[in-house]
Amino acid sequence: MKSRSAWLLLFPIFGSMLAWVFRPSEVDWIRLEKPQRIQIKKKSLPLPTGESLRFIHVPHQKYAISVLEVPEQILALYPGETYSHAGATAFAAWLSEQSGHSLRLPTRDEWRDAARAGIPNAEFAWGFGPPLPPPDLHFALAQAPRSPGPAFGYGFRDLAGGKWEWTQEGLLLGSAWTEQNPQTLYIDYQLQPPKEYAGADTAIRLLWEE
């Protein structure tokens, strides 16, 4: 009887240990939340070249953001340089005049909303985890990529890797193919370059206001 009583006392202790070992963390519960279905609207902006620039409407906001960084063949239409913050801002104003639509650089908060795709706590454009980029991401490369990177979230491409992207505040977000430090891929990471910086590793992503 004494032996049996001793075993009975062990059950609640062992059960408590199991509950502690296998209890999911609070972060795990957040990540296991079911994603809500969101209707993503897209639209195109006709350009003087006969091409068009595709935009994705950010849900619950009165603006859309270009799917891609503005490609070189469109930047080449502009008579000035487009690598600096001043040049990127001027290009957006010029294209607004040419197209008849209100275009500008996104703010850092607008850019981050697009990158997080409705997940407030997302660390990267692809979600959570250590800063180990997906194998097909345009990051830490020996030469410039010739095609856009993979799509994440709402469907935007190159919000991680590709090229650094200008914001209204003059900040650079998103990292670039030239970088080696994966910490730069965090959505909250931002680079404050010198005011006159005009590197070829920068890009323009446009916001279209309704």
C-alpha atoms as a PDB file:
ATOM      1  CA  MET A   1       0.000   0.000   0.000  1.00  0.00           C
ATOM      2  CA  LYS A   2       2.818   2.363   0.874  1.00  0.00           C
ATOM      3  CA  SER A   3       4.418   1.693  -2.485  1.00  0.00           C
ATOM      4  CA  ARG A   4       1.146   2.358  -4.310  1.00  0.00           C
ATOM      5  CA  SER A   5       0.656   5.615  -2.353  1.00  0.00           C
ATOM      6  CA  ALA A   6       4.107   6.775  -3.358  1.00  0.00           C
ATOM      7  CA  TRP A   7       3.328   6.239  -7.057  1.00  0.00           C
ATOM      8  CA  LEU A   8       0.033   8.120  -6.691  1.00  0.00           C
ATOM      9  CA  LEU A   9       1.914  11.087  -5.296  1.00  0.00           C
ATOM     10  CA  LEU A  10       4.233  11.096  -8.307  1.00  0.00           C
ATOM     11  CA  PHE A  11       1.406  11.438 -10.859  1.00  0.00           C
ATOM     12  CA  PRO A  12       0.499  15.084 -10.093  1.00  0.00           C
ATOM     13  CA  ILE A  13       4.201  16.018  -9.928  1.00  0.00           C
ATOM     14  CA  PHE A  14       4.924  14.325 -13.286  1.00  0.00           C
ATOM     15  CA  GLY A  15       1.791  15.869 -14.774  1.00  0.00           C
ATOM     16  CA  SER A  16       2.923  19.326 -13.731  1.00  0.00           C
ATOM     17  CA  MET A  17       6.295  18.767 -15.373  1.00  0.00           C
ATOM     18  CA  LEU A  18       4.643  17.729 -18.637  1.00  0.00           C
ATOM     19  CA  ALA A  19       2.378  20.766 -18.565  1.00  0.00           C
ATOM     20  CA  TRP A  20       5.406  23.028 -18.181  1.00  0.00           C
ATOM     21  CA  VAL A  21       7.521  21.337 -20.875  1.00  0.00           C
ATOM     22  CA  PHE A  22       4.835  21.223 -23.523  1.00  0.00           C
ATOM     23  CA  ARG A  23       3.060  24.517 -22.738  1.00  0.00           C
ATOM     24  CA  PRO A  24       3.304  26.747 -25.834  1.00  0.00           C
ATOM     25  CA  SER A  25       4.855  30.148 -25.202  1.00  0.00           C
ATOM     26  CA  GLU A  26       2.788  33.319 -25.546  1.00  0.00           C
ATOM     27  CA  VAL A  27       4.674  34.162 -28.741  1.00  0.00           C
ATOM     28  CA  ASP A  28       3.732  30.791 -30.223  1.00  0.00           C
ATOM     29  CA  TRP A  29       0.061  31.466 -29.549  1.00  0.00           C
ATOM     30  CA  ILE A  30       0.317  34.798 -31.352  1.00  0.00           C
ATOM     31  CA  ARG A  31       1.895  33.132 -34.365  1.00  0.00           C
ATOM     32  CA  LEU A  32      -0.798  30.440 -34.445  1.00  0.00           C
ATOM     33  CA  GLU A  33      -3.641  32.938 -34.832  1.00  0.00           C
ATOM     34  CA  LYS A  34      -5.665  32.248 -37.958  1.00  0.00           C
ATOM     35  CA  PRO A  35      -5.032  34.897 -40.616  1.00  0.00           C
ATOM     36  CA  GLN A  36      -8.030  36.918 -41.712  1.00  0.00           C
ATOM     37  CA  ARG A  37      -9.068  36.819 -45.343  1.00  0.00           C
ATOM     38  CA  ILE A  38      -8.457  40.222 -46.906  1.00  0.00           C
ATOM     39  CA  GLN A  39      -9.440  41.278 -50.400  1.00  0.00           C
ATOM     40  CA  ILE A  40      -6.417  42.765 -52.134  1.00  0.00           C
ATOM     41  CA  LYS A  41      -7.210  45.273 -54.876  1.00  0.00           C
ATOM     42  CA  LYS A  42      -4.731  46.069 -57.639  1.00  0.00           C
ATOM     43  CA  LYS A  43      -4.572  48.830 -60.233  1.00  0.00           C
ATOM     44  CA  SER A  44      -2.226  50.024 -62.957  1.00  0.00           C
ATOM     45  CA  LEU A  45      -0.790  53.426 -63.776  1.00  0.00           C
ATOM     46  CA  PRO A  46      -0.341  54.062 -67.528  1.00  0.00           C
ATOM     47  CA  LEU A  47       3.047  55.581 -68.374  1.00  0.00           C
ATOM     48  CA  PRO A  48       4.276  57.773 -71.233  1.00  0.00           C
ATOM     49  CA  THR A  49       6.230  54.822 -72.631  1.00  0.00           C
ATOM     50  CA  GLY A  50       3.069  52.804 -73.167  1.00  0.00           C
ATOM     51  CA  GLU A  51       3.959  50.564 -70.235  1.00  0.00           C
ATOM     52  CA  SER A  52       2.199  50.541 -66.893  1.00  0.00           C
ATOM     53  CA  LEU A  53       3.293  50.448 -63.255  1.00  0.00           C
ATOM     54  CA  ARG A  54       1.263  48.061 -61.091  1.00  0.00           C
ATOM     55  CA  PHE A  55       0.057  49.050 -57.621  1.00  0.00           C
ATOM     56  CA  ILE A  56      -1.466  47.148 -54.693  1.00  0.00           C
ATOM     57  CA  HIS A  57      -4.109  48.831 -52.572  1.00  0.00           C
ATOM     58  CA  VAL A  58      -3.113  48.574 -48.892  1.00  0.00           C
ATOM     59  CA  PRO A  59      -6.240  47.360 -47.015  1.00  0.00           C
ATOM     60  CA  HIS A  60      -8.043  49.928 -44.845  1.00  0.00           C
ATOM     61  CA  GLN A  61      -5.927  52.766 -46.268  1.00  0.00           C
ATOM     62  CA  LYS A  62      -6.646  55.361 -48.949  1.00  0.00           C
ATOM     63  CA  TYR A  63      -3.542  54.660 -50.960  1.00  0.00           C
ATOM     64  CA  ALA A  64      -1.829  52.029 -53.071  1.00  0.00           C
ATOM     65  CA  ILE A  65       1.897  51.237 -53.288  1.00  0.00           C
ATOM     66  CA  SER A  66       3.785  50.032 -56.342  1.00  0.00           C
ATOM     67  CA  VAL A  67       4.327  46.280 -56.508  1.00  0.00           C
ATOM     68  CA  LEU A  68       7.919  46.768 -57.646  1.00  0.00           C
ATOM     69  CA  GLU A  69      10.659  49.290 -57.178  1.00  0.00           C
ATOM     70  CA  VAL A  70      10.396  51.651 -60.148  1.00  0.00           C
ATOM     71  CA  PRO A  71      12.419  49.948 -62.922  1.00  0.00           C
ATOM     72  CA  GLU A  72      15.374  51.591 -64.635  1.00  0.00           C
ATOM     73  CA  GLN A  73      13.600  52.029 -67.980  1.00  0.00           C
ATOM     74  CA  ILE A  74      10.997  54.240 -66.292  1.00  0.00           C
ATOM     75  CA  LEU A  75      13.554  56.159 -64.223  1.00  0.00           C
ATOM     76  CA  ALA A  76      15.432  56.852 -67.476  1.00  0.00           C
ATOM     77  CA  LEU A  77      12.487  58.972 -68.678  1.00  0.00           C
ATOM     78  CA  TYR A  78      13.220  61.541 -66.000  1.00  0.00           C
ATOM     79  CA  PRO A  79      15.803  64.216 -66.950  1.00  0.00           C
ATOM     80  CA  GLY A  80      17.392  64.378 -63.488  1.00  0.00           C
ATOM     81  CA  GLU A  81      19.119  61.908 -61.159  1.00  0.00           C
ATOM     82  CA  THR A  82      16.959  59.573 -59.065  1.00  0.00           C
ATOM     83  CA  TYR A  83      19.421  58.043 -56.578  1.00  0.00           C
ATOM     84  CA  SER A  84      19.340  60.725 -53.879  1.00  0.00           C
ATOM     85  CA  HIS A  85      16.390  61.520 -51.630  1.00  0.00           C
ATOM     86  CA  ALA A  86      15.946  64.876 -53.357  1.00  0.00           C
ATOM     87  CA  GLY A  87      16.092  63.170 -56.758  1.00  0.00           C
ATOM     88  CA  ALA A  88      13.590  60.484 -55.727  1.00  0.00           C
ATOM     89  CA  THR A  89      11.185  63.130 -54.395  1.00  0.00           C
ATOM     90  CA  ALA A  90      11.525  65.186 -57.578  1.00  0.00           C
ATOM     91  CA  PHE A  91      10.943  62.110 -59.743  1.00  0.00           C
ATOM     92  CA  ALA A  92       7.684  61.331 -57.910  1.00  0.00           C
ATOM     93  CA  ALA A  93       6.512  64.937 -58.418  1.00  0.00           C
ATOM     94  CA  TRP A  94       7.482  64.803 -62.117  1.00  0.00           C
ATOM     95  CA  LEU A  95       5.637  61.526 -62.707  1.00  0.00           C
ATOM     96  CA  SER A  96       2.601  62.927 -60.891  1.00  0.00           C
ATOM     97  CA  GLU A  97       2.539  65.806 -63.362  1.00  0.00           C
ATOM     98  CA  GLN A  98       3.054  63.502 -66.336  1.00  0.00           C
ATOM     99  CA  SER A  99       0.340  61.038 -65.284  1.00  0.00           C
ATOM    100  CA  GLY A 100      -2.167  63.383 -63.692  1.00  0.00           C
ATOM    101  CA  HIS A 101      -2.228  61.331 -60.463  1.00  0.00           C
ATOM    102  CA  SER A 102      -0.974  62.046 -56.955  1.00  0.00           C
ATOM    103  CA  LEU A 103       2.263  60.082 -56.514  1.00  0.00           C
ATOM    104  CA  ARG A 104       4.856  60.407 -53.767  1.00  0.00           C
ATOM    105  CA  LEU A 105       7.338  58.466 -51.641  1.00  0.00           C
ATOM    106  CA  PRO A 106       5.727  56.484 -48.801  1.00  0.00           C
ATOM    107  CA  THR A 107       6.394  57.468 -45.210  1.00  0.00           C
ATOM    108  CA  ARG A 108       8.302  54.917 -43.125  1.00  0.00           C
ATOM    109  CA  ASP A 109       5.059  53.938 -41.348  1.00  0.00           C
ATOM    110  CA  GLU A 110       3.233  53.433 -44.646  1.00  0.00           C
ATOM    111  CA  TRP A 111       6.143  51.379 -45.981  1.00  0.00           C
ATOM    112  CA  ARG A 112       6.185  49.226 -42.854  1.00  0.00           C
ATOM    113  CA  ASP A 113       2.414  48.687 -42.979  1.00  0.00           C
ATOM    114  CA  ALA A 114       2.822  47.336 -46.503  1.00  0.00           C
ATOM    115  CA  ALA A 115       5.736  45.114 -45.459  1.00  0.00           C
ATOM    116  CA  ARG A 116       3.919  43.654 -42.430  1.00  0.00           C
ATOM    117  CA  ALA A 117       0.816  42.827 -44.495  1.00  0.00           C
ATOM    118  CA  GLY A 118      -1.623  43.070 -41.613  1.00  0.00           C
ATOM    119  CA  ILE A 119       0.561  41.264 -39.036  1.00  0.00           C
ATOM    120  CA  PRO A 120       1.398  43.946 -36.410  1.00  0.00           C
ATOM    121  CA  ASN A 121       4.273  42.007 -34.837  1.00  0.00           C
ATOM    122  CA  ALA A 122       5.942  40.782 -38.036  1.00  0.00           C
ATOM    123  CA  GLU A 123       9.723  41.135 -37.857  1.00  0.00           C
ATOM    124  CA  PHE A 124      10.443  40.520 -41.540  1.00  0.00           C
ATOM    125  CA  ALA A 125       8.568  40.783 -44.821  1.00  0.00           C
ATOM    126  CA  TRP A 126       8.328  36.962 -44.730  1.00  0.00           C
ATOM    127  CA  GLY A 127       7.096  36.842 -41.107  1.00  0.00           C
ATOM    128  CA  PHE A 128       9.019  35.791 -37.989  1.00  0.00           C
ATOM    129  CA  GLY A 129      12.172  33.957 -37.025  1.00  0.00           C
ATOM    130  CA  PRO A 130      15.915  34.535 -37.008  1.00  0.00           C
ATOM    131  CA  PRO A 131      17.238  36.912 -39.671  1.00  0.00           C
ATOM    132  CA  LEU A 132      18.022  34.132 -42.129  1.00  0.00           C
ATOM    133  CA  PRO A 133      16.742  35.282 -45.525  1.00  0.00           C
ATOM    134  CA  PRO A 134      14.930  32.886 -47.865  1.00  0.00           C
ATOM    135  CA  PRO A 135      17.339  31.343 -50.403  1.00  0.00           C
ATOM    136  CA  ASP A 136      15.853  33.235 -53.374  1.00  0.00           C
ATOM    137  CA  LEU A 137      15.980  36.654 -51.698  1.00  0.00           C
ATOM    138  CA  HIS A 138      18.166  39.271 -53.415  1.00  0.00           C
ATOM    139  CA  PHE A 139      20.579  39.749 -50.530  1.00  0.00           C
ATOM    140  CA  ALA A 140      24.332  39.362 -50.004  1.00  0.00           C
ATOM    141  CA  LEU A 141      24.934  38.803 -53.721  1.00  0.00           C
ATOM    142  CA  ALA A 142      28.130  39.231 -55.718  1.00  0.00           C
ATOM    143  CA  GLN A 143      26.361  41.097 -58.521  1.00  0.00           C
ATOM    144  CA  ALA A 144      23.122  43.002 -59.067  1.00  0.00           C
ATOM    145  CA  PRO A 145      20.017  40.843 -59.686  1.00  0.00           C
ATOM    146  CA  ARG A 146      18.348  40.971 -63.084  1.00  0.00           C
ATOM    147  CA  SER A 147      14.788  40.224 -61.946  1.00  0.00           C
ATOM    148  CA  PRO A 148      12.539  41.142 -58.996  1.00  0.00           C
ATOM    149  CA  GLY A 149      12.778  39.184 -55.762  1.00  0.00           C
ATOM    150  CA  PRO A 150      10.062  36.906 -54.302  1.00  0.00           C
ATOM    151  CA  ALA A 151       6.648  38.255 -53.319  1.00  0.00           C
ATOM    152  CA  PHE A 152       5.636  38.423 -49.653  1.00  0.00           C
ATOM    153  CA  GLY A 153       2.519  39.397 -47.725  1.00  0.00           C
ATOM    154  CA  TYR A 154       0.142  41.418 -49.868  1.00  0.00           C
ATOM    155  CA  GLY A 155       2.212  40.609 -52.966  1.00  0.00           C
ATOM    156  CA  PHE A 156       4.885  43.315 -52.899  1.00  0.00           C
ATOM    157  CA  ARG A 157       8.323  42.374 -54.191  1.00  0.00           C
ATOM    158  CA  ASP A 158      11.728  43.486 -52.902  1.00  0.00           C
ATOM    159  CA  LEU A 159      10.489  44.937 -49.611  1.00  0.00           C
ATOM    160  CA  ALA A 160      13.408  42.899 -48.256  1.00  0.00           C
ATOM    161  CA  GLY A 161      16.607  42.860 -50.268  1.00  0.00           C
ATOM    162  CA  GLY A 162      16.808  44.241 -53.769  1.00  0.00           C
ATOM    163  CA  LYS A 163      17.728  47.874 -53.089  1.00  0.00           C
ATOM    164  CA  TRP A 164      17.391  50.311 -50.214  1.00  0.00           C
ATOM    165  CA  GLU A 165      14.162  52.270 -50.653  1.00  0.00           C
ATOM    166  CA  TRP A 166      13.644  55.965 -49.919  1.00  0.00           C
ATOM    167  CA  THR A 167      10.894  57.240 -47.635  1.00  0.00           C
ATOM    168  CA  GLN A 168       9.495  60.752 -47.296  1.00  0.00           C
ATOM    169  CA  GLU A 169      11.590  61.289 -44.177  1.00  0.00           C
ATOM    170  CA  GLY A 170      14.824  60.631 -46.073  1.00  0.00           C
ATOM    171  CA  LEU A 171      15.325  57.220 -44.479  1.00  0.00           C
ATOM    172  CA  LEU A 172      16.332  54.057 -46.311  1.00  0.00           C
ATOM    173  CA  LEU A 173      14.443  50.840 -45.546  1.00  0.00           C
ATOM    174  CA  GLY A 174      14.475  47.236 -46.736  1.00  0.00           C
ATOM    175  CA  SER A 175      18.203  46.514 -47.143  1.00  0.00           C
ATOM    176  CA  ALA A 176      19.845  45.714 -50.500  1.00  0.00           C
ATOM    177  CA  TRP A 177      21.543  43.009 -52.531  1.00  0.00           C
ATOM    178  CA  THR A 178      24.903  44.598 -51.650  1.00  0.00           C
ATOM    179  CA  GLU A 179      24.465  44.128 -47.879  1.00  0.00           C
ATOM    180  CA  GLN A 180      25.966  41.271 -45.855  1.00  0.00           C
ATOM    181  CA  ASN A 181      24.426  41.887 -42.411  1.00  0.00           C
ATOM    182  CA  PRO A 182      21.026  40.101 -42.114  1.00  0.00           C
ATOM    183  CA  GLN A 183      20.033  42.501 -39.314  1.00  0.00           C
ATOM    184  CA  THR A 184      19.341  45.079 -42.043  1.00  0.00           C
ATOM    185  CA  LEU A 185      16.437  42.916 -43.237  1.00  0.00           C
ATOM    186  CA  TYR A 186      14.337  43.646 -40.145  1.00  0.00           C
ATOM    187  CA  ILE A 187      11.270  45.721 -41.048  1.00  0.00           C
ATOM    188  CA  ASP A 188      12.092  48.153 -38.220  1.00  0.00           C
ATOM    189  CA  TYR A 189      15.683  48.620 -39.348  1.00  0.00           C
ATOM    190  CA  GLN A 190      16.311  52.023 -40.904  1.00  0.00           C
ATOM    191  CA  LEU A 191      19.342  53.719 -42.376  1.00  0.00           C
ATOM    192  CA  GLN A 192      19.873  57.471 -42.054  1.00  0.00           C
ATOM    193  CA  PRO A 193      22.340  58.319 -44.843  1.00  0.00           C
ATOM    194  CA  PRO A 194      24.017  61.705 -45.328  1.00  0.00           C
ATOM    195  CA  LYS A 195      21.627  64.218 -46.896  1.00  0.00           C
ATOM    196  CA  GLU A 196      23.538  64.229 -50.191  1.00  0.00           C
ATOM    197  CA  TYR A 197      23.812  60.415 -50.469  1.00  0.00           C
ATOM    198  CA  ALA A 198      23.026  59.194 -53.999  1.00  0.00           C
ATOM    199  CA  GLY A 199      24.109  55.563 -54.171  1.00  0.00           C
ATOM    200  CA  ALA A 200      23.242  53.130 -56.953  1.00  0.00           C
ATOM    201  CA  ASP A 201      21.973  50.769 -54.240  1.00  0.00           C
ATOM    202  CA  THR A 202      18.878  52.944 -53.686  1.00  0.00           C
ATOM    203  CA  ALA A 203      15.456  52.621 -55.292  1.00  0.00           C
ATOM    204  CA  ILE A 204      12.067  54.314 -55.478  1.00  0.00           C
ATOM    205  CA  ARG A 205       8.775  52.709 -54.548  1.00  0.00           C
ATOM    206  CA  LEU A 206       5.836  55.001 -55.220  1.00  0.00           C
ATOM    207  CA  LEU A 207       2.658  55.588 -53.234  1.00  0.00           C
ATOM    208  CA  TRP A 208      -0.509  56.502 -55.174  1.00  0.00           C
ATOM    209  CA  GLU A 209      -2.959  58.526 -53.131  1.00  0.00           C
ATOM    210  CA  GLU A 210      -6.666  58.215 -53.871  1.00  0.00           C
END
